[in-house]
Amino acid sequence: MSIPLLVPDLGAEAETVRISSWYALAGERVELDEPVVELLIGGATCDLTAPCQGWVRGPLKPVDSAVTLGETLAWIEPAH
């Protein structure tokens, strides 16, 4: 079962953040804790890492999209 990659609560007052870049695209393999996407909040960036080893599955939200806390950005299909 795929695991959702969710926008975390970054502890800032803003309700939305922007996707500034993807390090891994749909179909690519990632390792546990490997950065998958970079988020921009205010003037700071934050890397969101893979919750498990596996493959990135889409659809992926486009770069420069405004996303809200708790929103699903992509899915990680665990490696067996």
N, C-alpha and C. Protein backbone atom coordinates (compact mmCIF):
# COMPACT_ATOMS: atom_id res chain seq x y z
N MET A 1 0.84 -1.17 0.00
CA MET A 1 0.00 0.00 0.00
C MET A 1 0.89 1.24 0.00
N SER A 2 0.60 2.19 -0.87
CA SER A 2 1.39 3.42 -0.99
C SER A 2 1.19 4.33 0.21
N ILE A 3 2.25 5.06 0.54
CA ILE A 3 2.23 5.99 1.67
C ILE A 3 2.19 7.41 1.11
N PRO A 4 1.25 8.24 1.58
CA PRO A 4 1.18 9.60 1.06
C PRO A 4 2.33 10.46 1.58
N LEU A 5 2.85 11.32 0.73
CA LEU A 5 3.85 12.31 1.10
C LEU A 5 3.07 13.60 1.35
N LEU A 6 2.90 13.96 2.62
CA LEU A 6 2.03 15.07 3.02
C LEU A 6 2.81 16.33 3.34
N VAL A 7 2.20 17.48 3.10
CA VAL A 7 2.77 18.75 3.53
C VAL A 7 2.71 18.78 5.05
N PRO A 8 3.89 18.87 5.72
CA PRO A 8 3.89 18.85 7.18
C PRO A 8 3.56 20.21 7.77
N ASP A 9 3.23 20.22 9.05
CA ASP A 9 3.07 21.48 9.77
C ASP A 9 4.47 21.98 10.08
N LEU A 10 4.87 23.04 9.43
CA LEU A 10 6.23 23.54 9.57
C LEU A 10 6.38 24.53 10.72
N GLY A 11 5.31 24.69 11.51
CA GLY A 11 5.39 25.56 12.66
C GLY A 11 5.34 27.04 12.34
N ALA A 12 5.03 27.39 11.13
CA ALA A 12 4.92 28.79 10.74
C ALA A 12 3.45 29.19 10.74
N GLU A 13 3.22 30.47 10.71
CA GLU A 13 1.85 30.97 10.72
C GLU A 13 1.14 30.79 9.37
N ALA A 14 1.91 30.63 8.30
CA ALA A 14 1.33 30.50 6.98
C ALA A 14 0.57 29.18 6.84
N GLU A 15 -0.57 29.24 6.18
CA GLU A 15 -1.37 28.04 5.94
C GLU A 15 -0.97 27.34 4.65
N THR A 16 -0.27 28.06 3.76
CA THR A 16 0.15 27.47 2.49
C THR A 16 1.66 27.60 2.32
N VAL A 17 2.21 26.69 1.55
CA VAL A 17 3.62 26.71 1.19
C VAL A 17 3.70 26.50 -0.32
N ARG A 18 4.87 26.69 -0.89
CA ARG A 18 5.06 26.48 -2.33
C ARG A 18 6.06 25.35 -2.55
N ILE A 19 5.86 24.62 -3.62
CA ILE A 19 6.81 23.59 -4.03
C ILE A 19 7.88 24.31 -4.85
N SER A 20 9.14 24.26 -4.37
CA SER A 20 10.19 24.96 -5.11
C SER A 20 10.96 24.03 -6.04
N SER A 21 11.07 22.73 -5.71
CA SER A 21 11.69 21.78 -6.64
C SER A 21 11.45 20.35 -6.18
N TRP A 22 11.51 19.44 -7.13
CA TRP A 22 11.43 18.01 -6.86
C TRP A 22 12.82 17.43 -7.03
N TYR A 23 13.26 16.62 -6.07
CA TYR A 23 14.54 15.91 -6.17
C TYR A 23 14.34 14.55 -6.83
N ALA A 24 13.17 13.98 -6.68
CA ALA A 24 12.84 12.68 -7.28
C ALA A 24 11.49 12.82 -7.99
N LEU A 25 11.39 12.26 -9.17
CA LEU A 25 10.18 12.35 -9.96
C LEU A 25 9.43 11.02 -9.95
N ALA A 26 8.22 11.03 -10.47
CA ALA A 26 7.40 9.82 -10.52
C ALA A 26 8.16 8.69 -11.21
N GLY A 27 8.15 7.53 -10.58
CA GLY A 27 8.83 6.36 -11.12
C GLY A 27 10.24 6.17 -10.61
N GLU A 28 10.81 7.18 -9.96
CA GLU A 28 12.17 7.07 -9.45
C GLU A 28 12.18 6.42 -8.07
N ARG A 29 13.24 5.70 -7.80
CA ARG A 29 13.41 5.03 -6.50
C ARG A 29 14.03 6.00 -5.50
N VAL A 30 13.57 5.93 -4.26
CA VAL A 30 14.12 6.75 -3.18
C VAL A 30 14.45 5.84 -1.99
N GLU A 31 15.37 6.30 -1.18
CA GLU A 31 15.75 5.60 0.04
C GLU A 31 15.07 6.27 1.23
N LEU A 32 14.98 5.57 2.34
CA LEU A 32 14.42 6.12 3.56
C LEU A 32 15.16 7.41 3.92
N ASP A 33 14.41 8.46 4.22
CA ASP A 33 14.93 9.78 4.62
C ASP A 33 15.66 10.53 3.51
N GLU A 34 15.59 10.05 2.28
CA GLU A 34 16.17 10.79 1.15
C GLU A 34 15.26 11.96 0.81
N PRO A 35 15.82 13.17 0.57
CA PRO A 35 14.98 14.30 0.18
C PRO A 35 14.24 14.01 -1.12
N VAL A 36 12.94 14.32 -1.12
CA VAL A 36 12.09 14.08 -2.29
C VAL A 36 11.65 15.41 -2.91
N VAL A 37 11.29 16.37 -2.07
CA VAL A 37 10.77 17.64 -2.56
C VAL A 37 11.23 18.77 -1.64
N GLU A 38 11.46 19.93 -2.23
CA GLU A 38 11.83 21.12 -1.46
C GLU A 38 10.62 22.05 -1.41
N LEU A 39 10.27 22.47 -0.19
CA LEU A 39 9.15 23.38 0.03
C LEU A 39 9.68 24.75 0.42
N LEU A 40 8.98 25.78 -0.01
CA LEU A 40 9.33 27.16 0.30
C LEU A 40 8.23 27.75 1.16
N ILE A 41 8.62 28.25 2.33
CA ILE A 41 7.67 28.91 3.22
C ILE A 41 8.31 30.22 3.66
N GLY A 42 7.64 31.31 3.31
CA GLY A 42 8.25 32.61 3.55
C GLY A 42 9.53 32.70 2.73
N GLY A 43 10.64 33.00 3.36
CA GLY A 43 11.92 33.05 2.66
C GLY A 43 12.78 31.83 2.93
N ALA A 44 12.25 30.84 3.64
CA ALA A 44 13.03 29.66 4.01
C ALA A 44 12.58 28.43 3.22
N THR A 45 13.51 27.49 3.07
CA THR A 45 13.18 26.23 2.40
C THR A 45 13.27 25.08 3.39
N CYS A 46 12.56 24.02 3.06
CA CYS A 46 12.53 22.82 3.90
C CYS A 46 12.45 21.61 2.98
N ASP A 47 13.31 20.63 3.20
CA ASP A 47 13.26 19.39 2.41
C ASP A 47 12.30 18.41 3.08
N LEU A 48 11.44 17.82 2.28
CA LEU A 48 10.54 16.77 2.75
C LEU A 48 11.15 15.45 2.29
N THR A 49 11.36 14.52 3.22
CA THR A 49 12.07 13.28 2.92
C THR A 49 11.12 12.09 2.78
N ALA A 50 11.64 11.05 2.18
CA ALA A 50 10.85 9.82 1.97
C ALA A 50 10.61 9.11 3.30
N PRO A 51 9.35 8.72 3.56
CA PRO A 51 9.02 8.02 4.80
C PRO A 51 9.44 6.55 4.79
N CYS A 52 9.86 6.06 3.61
CA CYS A 52 10.29 4.68 3.49
C CYS A 52 11.09 4.54 2.19
N GLN A 53 11.72 3.39 2.01
CA GLN A 53 12.40 3.07 0.77
C GLN A 53 11.34 2.63 -0.23
N GLY A 54 11.43 3.11 -1.46
CA GLY A 54 10.45 2.70 -2.46
C GLY A 54 10.50 3.56 -3.71
N TRP A 55 9.35 3.66 -4.38
CA TRP A 55 9.25 4.40 -5.64
C TRP A 55 8.26 5.54 -5.49
N VAL A 56 8.61 6.67 -6.08
CA VAL A 56 7.73 7.84 -6.09
C VAL A 56 6.63 7.59 -7.11
N ARG A 57 5.40 7.84 -6.71
CA ARG A 57 4.25 7.68 -7.59
C ARG A 57 3.50 9.01 -7.66
N GLY A 58 2.96 9.28 -8.81
CA GLY A 58 2.23 10.52 -9.01
C GLY A 58 0.74 10.31 -8.89
N PRO A 59 0.01 11.34 -9.24
CA PRO A 59 0.49 12.56 -9.85
C PRO A 59 1.19 13.45 -8.84
N LEU A 60 2.23 14.13 -9.31
CA LEU A 60 2.97 15.05 -8.48
C LEU A 60 2.42 16.46 -8.66
N LYS A 61 2.41 17.22 -7.60
CA LYS A 61 2.00 18.62 -7.70
C LYS A 61 3.10 19.36 -8.45
N PRO A 62 2.76 20.29 -9.36
CA PRO A 62 3.78 21.01 -10.13
C PRO A 62 4.63 21.95 -9.28
N VAL A 63 5.87 22.19 -9.74
CA VAL A 63 6.74 23.18 -9.12
C VAL A 63 6.03 24.52 -9.13
N ASP A 64 6.18 25.28 -8.08
CA ASP A 64 5.60 26.60 -7.86
C ASP A 64 4.12 26.55 -7.49
N SER A 65 3.59 25.34 -7.25
CA SER A 65 2.20 25.22 -6.79
C SER A 65 2.11 25.64 -5.33
N ALA A 66 1.02 26.31 -5.00
CA ALA A 66 0.71 26.60 -3.60
C ALA A 66 -0.04 25.39 -3.05
N VAL A 67 0.44 24.86 -1.93
CA VAL A 67 -0.18 23.70 -1.31
C VAL A 67 -0.48 24.01 0.15
N THR A 68 -1.45 23.30 0.71
CA THR A 68 -1.86 23.56 2.09
C THR A 68 -1.34 22.47 3.03
N LEU A 69 -1.30 22.78 4.29
CA LEU A 69 -0.86 21.82 5.29
C LEU A 69 -1.72 20.57 5.23
N GLY A 70 -1.08 19.42 5.24
CA GLY A 70 -1.78 18.14 5.19
C GLY A 70 -2.11 17.65 3.79
N GLU A 71 -1.86 18.46 2.78
CA GLU A 71 -2.17 18.06 1.40
C GLU A 71 -1.18 17.01 0.91
N THR A 72 -1.67 16.06 0.11
CA THR A 72 -0.82 15.02 -0.47
C THR A 72 -0.09 15.57 -1.68
N LEU A 73 1.26 15.47 -1.66
CA LEU A 73 2.09 15.95 -2.77
C LEU A 73 2.37 14.84 -3.77
N ALA A 74 2.53 13.63 -3.28
CA ALA A 74 2.86 12.46 -4.09
C ALA A 74 2.63 11.23 -3.21
N TRP A 75 2.96 10.06 -3.73
CA TRP A 75 2.83 8.80 -2.99
C TRP A 75 4.16 8.07 -3.08
N ILE A 76 4.50 7.34 -2.02
CA ILE A 76 5.68 6.49 -2.04
C ILE A 76 5.20 5.04 -1.94
N GLU A 77 5.53 4.26 -2.97
CA GLU A 77 5.18 2.83 -2.96
C GLU A 77 6.36 2.09 -2.34
N PRO A 78 6.15 1.51 -1.16
CA PRO A 78 7.26 0.85 -0.45
C PRO A 78 7.88 -0.30 -1.25
N ALA A 79 9.20 -0.44 -1.11
CA ALA A 79 9.91 -1.58 -1.70
C ALA A 79 9.67 -2.80 -0.82
N HIS A 80 9.50 -3.94 -1.42
CA HIS A 80 9.26 -5.16 -0.65
C HIS A 80 10.47 -6.04 -0.66
